[in-house]
C-alpha atoms as a PDB file:
ATOM      1  CA  MET A   1      -3.873   4.621  15.516  1.00  0.00           C
ATOM      2  CA  ASP A   2      -2.912   8.235  15.182  1.00  0.00           C
ATOM      3  CA  TYR A   3      -5.791   9.470  13.017  1.00  0.00           C
ATOM      4  CA  LEU A   4      -4.207  12.857  12.266  1.00  0.00           C
ATOM      5  CA  LYS A   5      -1.021  11.210  10.973  1.00  0.00           C
ATOM      6  CA  THR A   6      -3.184   8.946   8.850  1.00  0.00           C
ATOM      7  CA  ILE A   7      -5.092  11.872   7.388  1.00  0.00           C
ATOM      8  CA  LYS A   8      -1.784  13.647   6.694  1.00  0.00           C
ATOM      9  CA  ALA A   9      -0.377  10.538   5.005  1.00  0.00           C
ATOM     10  CA  LEU A  10      -3.463  10.324   2.773  1.00  0.00           C
ATOM     11  CA  SER A  11      -3.262  13.982   1.848  1.00  0.00           C
ATOM     12  CA  ASN A  12      -0.394  13.215  -0.557  1.00  0.00           C
ATOM     13  CA  LYS A  13      -1.655  12.206  -4.006  1.00  0.00           C
ATOM     14  CA  THR A  14       0.999   9.541  -4.583  1.00  0.00           C
ATOM     15  CA  ARG A  15       0.355   7.853  -1.235  1.00  0.00           C
ATOM     16  CA  PHE A  16      -3.380   7.997  -1.847  1.00  0.00           C
ATOM     17  CA  ASN A  17      -2.864   6.480  -5.325  1.00  0.00           C
ATOM     18  CA  ILE A  18      -0.692   3.710  -3.935  1.00  0.00           C
ATOM     19  CA  LEU A  19      -3.445   2.657  -1.562  1.00  0.00           C
ATOM     20  CA  GLN A  20      -5.973   2.739  -4.424  1.00  0.00           C
ATOM     21  CA  TRP A  21      -3.682   0.694  -6.681  1.00  0.00           C
ATOM     22  CA  LEU A  22      -3.096  -1.942  -4.000  1.00  0.00           C
ATOM     23  CA  LYS A  23      -6.835  -2.365  -3.588  1.00  0.00           C
ATOM     24  CA  ASP A  24      -6.862  -4.262  -6.920  1.00  0.00           C
ATOM     25  CA  PRO A  25      -3.324  -5.391  -7.731  1.00  0.00           C
ATOM     26  CA  LYS A  26      -4.403  -7.511 -10.698  1.00  0.00           C
ATOM     27  CA  SER A  27      -5.834  -4.644 -12.696  1.00  0.00           C
ATOM     28  CA  ASN A  28      -3.244  -2.093 -11.579  1.00  0.00           C
ATOM     29  CA  PHE A  29      -0.007  -4.036 -11.768  1.00  0.00           C
ATOM     30  CA  GLU A  30      -0.636  -6.888 -14.227  1.00  0.00           C
ATOM     31  CA  GLN A  31       0.955  -4.871 -17.081  1.00  0.00           C
ATOM     32  CA  PHE A  32       4.217  -4.977 -15.118  1.00  0.00           C
ATOM     33  CA  GLY A  33       4.069  -8.761 -14.737  1.00  0.00           C
ATOM     34  CA  TRP A  34       2.332  -8.930 -11.351  1.00  0.00           C
ATOM     35  CA  GLN A  35       0.927 -12.325 -10.333  1.00  0.00           C
ATOM     36  CA  PRO A  36      -0.428 -13.420  -6.966  1.00  0.00           C
ATOM     37  CA  HIS A  37       2.510 -14.264  -4.720  1.00  0.00           C
ATOM     38  CA  ASN A  38       1.280 -17.784  -3.953  1.00  0.00           C
ATOM     39  CA  ASP A  39      -1.859 -19.729  -3.112  1.00  0.00           C
ATOM     40  CA  ASP A  40      -2.036 -18.327   0.437  1.00  0.00           C
ATOM     41  CA  PRO A  41      -5.048 -15.944   0.346  1.00  0.00           C
ATOM     42  CA  ASP A  42      -3.434 -13.693   2.940  1.00  0.00           C
ATOM     43  CA  SER A  43      -0.432 -12.997   0.741  1.00  0.00           C
ATOM     44  CA  SER A  44      -2.075 -13.016  -2.731  1.00  0.00           C
ATOM     45  CA  ASN A  45      -2.466  -9.193  -2.776  1.00  0.00           C
ATOM     46  CA  PHE A  46       1.166  -8.372  -2.031  1.00  0.00           C
ATOM     47  CA  VAL A  47       2.965  -6.376  -4.711  1.00  0.00           C
ATOM     48  CA  CYS A  48       6.700  -6.134  -5.274  1.00  0.00           C
ATOM     49  CA  VAL A  49       8.010  -2.676  -4.557  1.00  0.00           C
ATOM     50  CA  GLY A  50       9.527  -2.574  -8.076  1.00  0.00           C
ATOM     51  CA  TYR A  51       6.072  -2.626  -9.624  1.00  0.00           C
ATOM     52  CA  ILE A  52       4.968   0.208  -7.370  1.00  0.00           C
ATOM     53  CA  TYR A  53       7.982   2.309  -8.508  1.00  0.00           C
ATOM     54  CA  LYS A  54       7.090   1.681 -12.154  1.00  0.00           C
ATOM     55  CA  LYS A  55       3.438   2.567 -11.666  1.00  0.00           C
ATOM     56  CA  ALA A  56       4.216   5.753  -9.695  1.00  0.00           C
ATOM     57  CA  GLY A  57       6.748   6.945 -12.257  1.00  0.00           C
ATOM     58  CA  GLN A  58       8.900   8.448  -9.509  1.00  0.00           C
ATOM     59  CA  SER A  59      12.374   7.686  -8.186  1.00  0.00           C
ATOM     60  CA  GLN A  60      12.910   4.692  -5.955  1.00  0.00           C
ATOM     61  CA  SER A  61      13.871   6.910  -3.033  1.00  0.00           C
ATOM     62  CA  THR A  62      10.699   9.011  -3.338  1.00  0.00           C
ATOM     63  CA  VAL A  63       8.417   6.020  -3.584  1.00  0.00           C
ATOM     64  CA  SER A  64      10.248   4.273  -0.756  1.00  0.00           C
ATOM     65  CA  GLU A  65       9.576   7.312   1.455  1.00  0.00           C
ATOM     66  CA  HIS A  66       5.879   7.205   0.554  1.00  0.00           C
ATOM     67  CA  LEU A  67       5.709   3.480   1.333  1.00  0.00           C
ATOM     68  CA  SER A  68       7.486   4.078   4.646  1.00  0.00           C
ATOM     69  CA  VAL A  69       4.973   6.760   5.646  1.00  0.00           C
ATOM     70  CA  LEU A  70       2.043   4.495   4.781  1.00  0.00           C
ATOM     71  CA  GLU A  71       3.562   1.582   6.658  1.00  0.00           C
ATOM     72  CA  LYS A  72       4.232   3.725   9.767  1.00  0.00           C
ATOM     73  CA  THR A  73       0.552   4.709   9.831  1.00  0.00           C
ATOM     74  CA  GLY A  74      -0.396   1.045   9.601  1.00  0.00           C
ATOM     75  CA  LEU A  75      -2.196   1.446   6.297  1.00  0.00           C
ATOM     76  CA  LEU A  76       0.313  -0.852   4.577  1.00  0.00           C
ATOM     77  CA  ARG A  77       2.053  -3.989   5.637  1.00  0.00           C
ATOM     78  CA  SER A  78       5.141  -5.441   4.118  1.00  0.00           C
ATOM     79  CA  VAL A  79       6.950  -8.747   3.935  1.00  0.00           C
ATOM     80  CA  LYS A  80      10.524  -9.347   2.864  1.00  0.00           C
ATOM     81  CA  ILE A  81      11.176 -12.449   0.819  1.00  0.00           C
ATOM     82  CA  GLY A  82      14.828 -12.851  -0.090  1.00  0.00           C
ATOM     83  CA  GLN A  83      15.868  -9.618  -1.829  1.00  0.00           C
ATOM     84  CA  TRP A  84      12.279  -8.495  -2.505  1.00  0.00           C
ATOM     85  CA  THR A  85       9.995  -6.394  -0.356  1.00  0.00           C
ATOM     86  CA  LEU A  86       6.300  -6.876  -1.022  1.00  0.00           C
ATOM     87  CA  TYR A  87       3.522  -4.526   0.070  1.00  0.00           C
ATOM     88  CA  ALA A  88      -0.201  -4.932   0.672  1.00  0.00           C
ATOM     89  CA  ARG A  89      -2.963  -2.880   2.206  1.00  0.00           C
ATOM     90  CA  ASN A  90      -3.734  -3.461   5.884  1.00  0.00           C
ATOM     91  CA  GLU A  91      -7.463  -3.859   5.514  1.00  0.00           C
ATOM     92  CA  GLU A  92      -8.069  -4.094   9.257  1.00  0.00           C
ATOM     93  CA  ILE A  93      -6.467  -0.649   9.903  1.00  0.00           C
ATOM     94  CA  ILE A  94      -8.176   0.826   6.818  1.00  0.00           C
ATOM     95  CA  ASN A  95     -11.562  -0.382   8.098  1.00  0.00           C
ATOM     96  CA  ASP A  96     -10.859   1.006  11.568  1.00  0.00           C
ATOM     97  CA  PHE A  97     -10.035   4.374   9.937  1.00  0.00           C
ATOM     98  CA  LYS A  98     -13.291   4.238   7.941  1.00  0.00           C
ATOM     99  CA  VAL A  99     -15.252   3.676  11.147  1.00  0.00           C
ATOM    100  CA  TYR A 100     -13.436   6.560  12.846  1.00  0.00           C
ATOM    101  CA  ILE A 101     -14.245   8.905   9.934  1.00  0.00           C
ATOM    102  CA  ASN A 102     -17.896   7.783   9.844  1.00  0.00           C
ATOM    103  CA  GLU A 103     -18.324   8.308  13.545  1.00  0.00           C
ATOM    104  CA  ASN A 104     -16.412  11.570  13.908  1.00  0.00           C
ATOM    105  CA  LEU A 105     -16.861  13.583  10.742  1.00  0.00           C
END
């Protein structure tokens, strides 16, 4: 993990907010129609990119760029199902980053 790239990615308010929203998809995206993807616990926190656009209130291209940055740092993971791309937090990477911060700052 490139910790400086991760810090830079989190320095943007929208990217930071996206990670916060994805921590609790039910309370943050339910108003847009979000429901758990299926009964698989590993995929129940994935959110359709369309809901993220709506919540962010920014253009699709802007939000797509934010999602791309977060995915490149490893903080997000995505899955494509048919025409939809779904995103979720990568808790393993986020926890590694927390450990790094705790040990080094």
